[in-house]
C-alpha atoms as a PDB file:
ATOM      1  CA  MET A   1     134.701 -12.947  43.987  1.00  0.00           C
ATOM      2  CA  ASN A   2     133.657  -9.480  42.660  1.00  0.00           C
ATOM      3  CA  THR A   3     132.122  -6.897  45.192  1.00  0.00           C
ATOM      4  CA  SER A   4     128.483  -7.790  44.266  1.00  0.00           C
ATOM      5  CA  ASP A   5     129.029 -11.422  45.105  1.00  0.00           C
ATOM      6  CA  GLU A   6     130.819 -10.441  48.444  1.00  0.00           C
ATOM      7  CA  MET A   7     127.775  -8.219  49.262  1.00  0.00           C
ATOM      8  CA  LYS A   8     125.335 -11.210  48.598  1.00  0.00           C
ATOM      9  CA  VAL A   9     127.292 -13.474  50.746  1.00  0.00           C
ATOM     10  CA  ARG A  10     127.346 -10.932  53.635  1.00  0.00           C
ATOM     11  CA  SER A  11     123.585 -10.367  53.140  1.00  0.00           C
ATOM     12  CA  LEU A  12     122.988 -14.180  53.585  1.00  0.00           C
ATOM     13  CA  GLU A  13     125.026 -14.273  56.720  1.00  0.00           C
ATOM     14  CA  MET A  14     123.058 -11.469  58.221  1.00  0.00           C
ATOM     15  CA  VAL A  15     119.836 -13.391  57.866  1.00  0.00           C
ATOM     16  CA  LYS A  16     121.362 -16.842  58.767  1.00  0.00           C
ATOM     17  CA  THR A  17     118.785 -18.854  60.899  1.00  0.00           C
ATOM     18  CA  PRO A  18     119.795 -19.524  64.550  1.00  0.00           C
ATOM     19  CA  ASN A  19     120.183 -23.332  65.169  1.00  0.00           C
ATOM     20  CA  VAL A  20     120.538 -23.195  69.118  1.00  0.00           C
ATOM     21  CA  TYR A  21     118.570 -21.373  71.775  1.00  0.00           C
ATOM     22  CA  CYS A  22     119.343 -20.908  75.492  1.00  0.00           C
ATOM     23  CA  LEU A  23     116.947 -19.767  78.219  1.00  0.00           C
ATOM     24  CA  VAL A  24     118.190 -17.181  80.655  1.00  0.00           C
ATOM     25  CA  SER A  25     116.755 -15.184  83.448  1.00  0.00           C
ATOM     26  CA  GLY A  26     117.930 -12.431  85.995  1.00  0.00           C
ATOM     27  CA  ALA A  27     116.436 -10.145  88.548  1.00  0.00           C
ATOM     28  CA  ALA A  28     118.179  -7.113  90.292  1.00  0.00           C
ATOM     29  CA  GLU A  29     117.950  -3.750  92.074  1.00  0.00           C
ATOM     30  CA  GLY A  30     119.154  -0.393  90.584  1.00  0.00           C
ATOM     31  CA  ASN A  31     119.056   3.255  91.456  1.00  0.00           C
ATOM     32  CA  THR A  32     116.602   3.797  88.280  1.00  0.00           C
ATOM     33  CA  ARG A  33     114.350   1.547  86.402  1.00  0.00           C
ATOM     34  CA  LEU A  34     116.912   1.437  83.589  1.00  0.00           C
ATOM     35  CA  ASN A  35     119.736   0.470  85.965  1.00  0.00           C
ATOM     36  CA  ALA A  36     117.604  -2.180  87.390  1.00  0.00           C
ATOM     37  CA  PHE A  37     116.924  -3.529  83.914  1.00  0.00           C
ATOM     38  CA  ASP A  38     120.555  -3.343  82.832  1.00  0.00           C
ATOM     39  CA  ASN A  39     121.581  -5.131  86.116  1.00  0.00           C
ATOM     40  CA  ALA A  40     118.952  -7.844  85.519  1.00  0.00           C
ATOM     41  CA  LEU A  41     120.455  -8.350  81.917  1.00  0.00           C
ATOM     42  CA  LEU A  42     123.931  -8.763  83.513  1.00  0.00           C
ATOM     43  CA  GLU A  43     122.498 -11.148  85.982  1.00  0.00           C
ATOM     44  CA  ALA A  44     121.013 -13.135  83.077  1.00  0.00           C
ATOM     45  CA  GLY A  45     124.468 -13.125  81.135  1.00  0.00           C
ATOM     46  CA  VAL A  46     123.438 -10.927  78.395  1.00  0.00           C
ATOM     47  CA  GLY A  47     124.179  -7.498  79.684  1.00  0.00           C
ATOM     48  CA  ASP A  48     127.093  -6.732  77.372  1.00  0.00           C
ATOM     49  CA  THR A  49     125.257  -7.271  74.224  1.00  0.00           C
ATOM     50  CA  ASN A  50     122.666  -5.425  72.138  1.00  0.00           C
ATOM     51  CA  LEU A  51     119.217  -7.153  72.467  1.00  0.00           C
ATOM     52  CA  MET A  52     117.373  -7.600  69.090  1.00  0.00           C
ATOM     53  CA  ARG A  53     113.676  -8.482  70.290  1.00  0.00           C
ATOM     54  CA  MET A  54     112.334 -10.940  67.994  1.00  0.00           C
ATOM     55  CA  SER A  55     108.758 -12.284  67.575  1.00  0.00           C
ATOM     56  CA  SER A  56     108.026 -15.551  69.100  1.00  0.00           C
ATOM     57  CA  ILE A  57     109.133 -18.208  66.853  1.00  0.00           C
ATOM     58  CA  CYS A  58     111.939 -20.888  67.474  1.00  0.00           C
ATOM     59  CA  PRO A  59     113.583 -21.999  64.332  1.00  0.00           C
ATOM     60  CA  PRO A  60     112.870 -25.817  63.160  1.00  0.00           C
ATOM     61  CA  GLY A  61     115.283 -28.152  64.816  1.00  0.00           C
ATOM     62  CA  ALA A  62     116.920 -25.551  67.021  1.00  0.00           C
ATOM     63  CA  LYS A  63     118.639 -27.310  70.044  1.00  0.00           C
ATOM     64  CA  GLU A  64     118.616 -25.863  73.570  1.00  0.00           C
ATOM     65  CA  VAL A  65     122.061 -25.282  75.048  1.00  0.00           C
ATOM     66  CA  LYS A  66     123.261 -23.858  78.180  1.00  0.00           C
ATOM     67  CA  ARG A  67     124.212 -20.225  78.481  1.00  0.00           C
ATOM     68  CA  ASN A  68     127.806 -21.025  79.044  1.00  0.00           C
ATOM     69  CA  GLU A  69     127.970 -23.291  75.919  1.00  0.00           C
ATOM     70  CA  ILE A  70     127.630 -20.130  73.505  1.00  0.00           C
ATOM     71  CA  THR A  71     129.833 -17.174  73.066  1.00  0.00           C
ATOM     72  CA  LEU A  72     127.934 -13.909  72.526  1.00  0.00           C
ATOM     73  CA  PRO A  73     130.048 -11.105  71.204  1.00  0.00           C
ATOM     74  CA  GLY A  74     130.448  -8.090  73.346  1.00  0.00           C
ATOM     75  CA  GLY A  75     128.243  -5.333  71.776  1.00  0.00           C
ATOM     76  CA  GLY A  76     126.893  -7.786  69.201  1.00  0.00           C
ATOM     77  CA  LEU A  77     123.255  -7.927  67.950  1.00  0.00           C
ATOM     78  CA  ILE A  78     121.746 -10.689  69.651  1.00  0.00           C
ATOM     79  CA  PRO A  79     118.327 -11.986  68.729  1.00  0.00           C
ATOM     80  CA  LEU A  80     115.936 -12.979  71.495  1.00  0.00           C
ATOM     81  CA  ALA A  81     112.486 -13.136  72.706  1.00  0.00           C
ATOM     82  CA  TYR A  82     112.164 -11.668  76.181  1.00  0.00           C
ATOM     83  CA  ALA A  83     109.876 -10.576  78.910  1.00  0.00           C
ATOM     84  CA  HIS A  84     110.670  -7.902  81.482  1.00  0.00           C
ATOM     85  CA  THR A  85     109.030  -5.880  84.229  1.00  0.00           C
ATOM     86  CA  ASP A  86     110.023  -3.492  86.657  1.00  0.00           C
ATOM     87  CA  SER A  87     108.740  -1.624  89.795  1.00  0.00           C
ATOM     88  CA  GLN A  88     109.595   1.178  92.238  1.00  0.00           C
ATOM     89  CA  THR A  89     107.114  -0.206  94.806  1.00  0.00           C
ATOM     90  CA  PRO A  90     108.983  -1.525  97.781  1.00  0.00           C
ATOM     91  CA  GLN A  91     107.859  -5.068  98.753  1.00  0.00           C
ATOM     92  CA  MET A  92     105.916  -5.657  95.526  1.00  0.00           C
ATOM     93  CA  TRP A  93     106.512  -8.864  93.683  1.00  0.00           C
ATOM     94  CA  ILE A  94     107.461  -8.803  90.102  1.00  0.00           C
ATOM     95  CA  ALA A  95     108.036 -11.896  87.734  1.00  0.00           C
ATOM     96  CA  SER A  96     109.079 -12.480  84.029  1.00  0.00           C
ATOM     97  CA  ALA A  97     108.991 -15.792  82.159  1.00  0.00           C
ATOM     98  CA  VAL A  98     109.474 -17.430  78.903  1.00  0.00           C
ATOM     99  CA  ALA A  99     108.294 -20.705  77.653  1.00  0.00           C
ATOM    100  CA  VAL A 100     109.447 -22.512  74.471  1.00  0.00           C
ATOM    101  CA  GLY A 101     106.989 -24.844  72.918  1.00  0.00           C
ATOM    102  CA  ILE A 102     108.875 -27.776  71.144  1.00  0.00           C
ATOM    103  CA  PRO A 103     106.808 -29.482  68.193  1.00  0.00           C
ATOM    104  CA  GLU A 104     106.589 -33.187  67.645  1.00  0.00           C
ATOM    105  CA  ASP A 105     107.703 -32.546  64.087  1.00  0.00           C
ATOM    106  CA  PRO A 106     111.378 -31.155  64.253  1.00  0.00           C
ATOM    107  CA  THR A 107     110.991 -29.755  60.853  1.00  0.00           C
ATOM    108  CA  GLU A 108     108.231 -27.447  62.079  1.00  0.00           C
ATOM    109  CA  PRO A 109     109.020 -24.197  63.939  1.00  0.00           C
ATOM    110  CA  GLY A 110     108.509 -24.027  67.657  1.00  0.00           C
ATOM    111  CA  VAL A 111     106.842 -21.066  69.487  1.00  0.00           C
ATOM    112  CA  ILE A 112     108.268 -18.770  72.233  1.00  0.00           C
ATOM    113  CA  MET A 113     105.954 -17.125  74.536  1.00  0.00           C
ATOM    114  CA  GLU A 114     106.748 -14.257  76.886  1.00  0.00           C
ATOM    115  CA  PHE A 115     104.802 -12.982  79.997  1.00  0.00           C
ATOM    116  CA  GLU A 116     105.427 -10.667  82.856  1.00  0.00           C
ATOM    117  CA  ASP A 117     103.429  -9.135  85.642  1.00  0.00           C
ATOM    118  CA  HIS A 118     103.402  -7.607  88.993  1.00  0.00           C
ATOM    119  CA  THR A 119     102.925 -10.893  90.827  1.00  0.00           C
ATOM    120  CA  ARG A 120     104.691 -14.084  91.868  1.00  0.00           C
ATOM    121  CA  LEU A 121     106.382 -16.397  89.421  1.00  0.00           C
ATOM    122  CA  GLU A 122     103.886 -19.244  90.032  1.00  0.00           C
ATOM    123  CA  TYR A 123     101.109 -17.191  88.386  1.00  0.00           C
ATOM    124  CA  VAL A 124     103.365 -15.993  85.369  1.00  0.00           C
ATOM    125  CA  GLU A 125     104.382 -19.560  84.723  1.00  0.00           C
ATOM    126  CA  THR A 126     100.880 -20.805  84.517  1.00  0.00           C
ATOM    127  CA  ILE A 127     100.000 -18.094  82.051  1.00  0.00           C
ATOM    128  CA  VAL A 128     102.959 -18.292  79.710  1.00  0.00           C
ATOM    129  CA  LYS A 129     102.803 -22.128  79.568  1.00  0.00           C
ATOM    130  CA  GLN A 130      99.085 -21.865  78.591  1.00  0.00           C
ATOM    131  CA  MET A 131     100.083 -19.375  75.838  1.00  0.00           C
ATOM    132  CA  VAL A 132     102.378 -21.927  74.415  1.00  0.00           C
ATOM    133  CA  ILE A 133      99.475 -24.619  74.450  1.00  0.00           C
ATOM    134  CA  ASP A 134      97.103 -22.074  72.905  1.00  0.00           C
ATOM    135  CA  ALA A 135      99.713 -21.203  70.138  1.00  0.00           C
ATOM    136  CA  PHE A 136     100.109 -24.901  69.085  1.00  0.00           C
ATOM    137  CA  GLU A 137      96.339 -25.351  69.010  1.00  0.00           C
ATOM    138  CA  TYR A 138      95.932 -22.296  66.838  1.00  0.00           C
ATOM    139  CA  ARG A 139      98.590 -23.660  64.478  1.00  0.00           C
ATOM    140  CA  LYS A 140      97.159 -27.154  64.516  1.00  0.00           C
ATOM    141  CA  ARG A 141     100.507 -28.630  65.590  1.00  0.00           C
ATOM    142  CA  ASP A 142     101.475 -31.397  68.061  1.00  0.00           C
ATOM    143  CA  LEU A 143     103.241 -30.154  70.948  1.00  0.00           C
ATOM    144  CA  LYS A 144     106.028 -32.334  72.196  1.00  0.00           C
ATOM    145  CA  GLU A 145     107.268 -30.476  75.355  1.00  0.00           C
ATOM    146  CA  ILE A 146     107.455 -27.023  76.978  1.00  0.00           C
ATOM    147  CA  LYS A 147     110.809 -25.676  78.075  1.00  0.00           C
ATOM    148  CA  PHE A 148     110.598 -22.735  80.699  1.00  0.00           C
ATOM    149  CA  THR A 149     112.539 -20.226  82.450  1.00  0.00           C
ATOM    150  CA  GLY A 150     111.400 -17.416  84.789  1.00  0.00           C
ATOM    151  CA  ILE A 151     112.292 -15.347  87.746  1.00  0.00           C
ATOM    152  CA  GLU A 152     110.654 -13.399  90.474  1.00  0.00           C
ATOM    153  CA  HIS A 153     111.984 -10.606  92.615  1.00  0.00           C
ATOM    154  CA  GLN A 154     110.624  -8.716  95.647  1.00  0.00           C
ATOM    155  CA  VAL A 155     111.436  -4.990  95.032  1.00  0.00           C
ATOM    156  CA  GLU A 156     113.482  -3.244  97.676  1.00  0.00           C
ATOM    157  CA  LYS A 157     113.754   0.207  96.125  1.00  0.00           C
ATOM    158  CA  CYS A 158     113.761  -0.120  92.265  1.00  0.00           C
ATOM    159  CA  GLY A 159     113.837  -3.645  90.908  1.00  0.00           C
ATOM    160  CA  ALA A 160     113.616  -5.584  87.536  1.00  0.00           C
ATOM    161  CA  ALA A 161     113.012  -8.986  86.481  1.00  0.00           C
ATOM    162  CA  PHE A 162     113.996 -10.472  82.918  1.00  0.00           C
ATOM    163  CA  ALA A 163     113.714 -13.697  81.093  1.00  0.00           C
ATOM    164  CA  ALA A 164     114.661 -14.667  77.589  1.00  0.00           C
ATOM    165  CA  ALA A 165     115.015 -17.232  74.894  1.00  0.00           C
ATOM    166  CA  VAL A 166     118.385 -16.267  73.263  1.00  0.00           C
ATOM    167  CA  LEU A 167     118.590 -17.588  69.618  1.00  0.00           C
ATOM    168  CA  TRP A 168     122.128 -18.154  68.431  1.00  0.00           C
ATOM    169  CA  TYR A 169     124.388 -20.185  66.204  1.00  0.00           C
ATOM    170  CA  ARG A 170     126.635 -23.154  66.642  1.00  0.00           C
END
């Protein structure tokens, strides 16, 4: 294989379409907003990676797996759709959530929606699930089911809440 062919192969590997996803969430306190966010990432199991925020499409046929079923490389570039919020107001509730809409037709892409707010998780969950329903209506696709994860946190000093759909490969 010549150098040009090797570069083409590497280029194709870089844009490989993920075939699995997992839903993760975490909430934590920190001395600063960034430390709270970092601690929430650690709690969610993605803290030692580089987050690559994606727009909200789940690849066709991608299967849901648990976080412990995939190995994310330390320092790796990890594609995910996520919601996060933070606050430095003691006693304030914060919540973040993601929902994945799974289409009836497995050859069509799904939709991932994210939402966060300074409120309780119940409200955030209602909104993010409705966002999935709306996205399927706009696309004129049949919705099979909605997968969801979310987390709420009552701030002590400086808190953050994070929820994500991690897209990966198996």
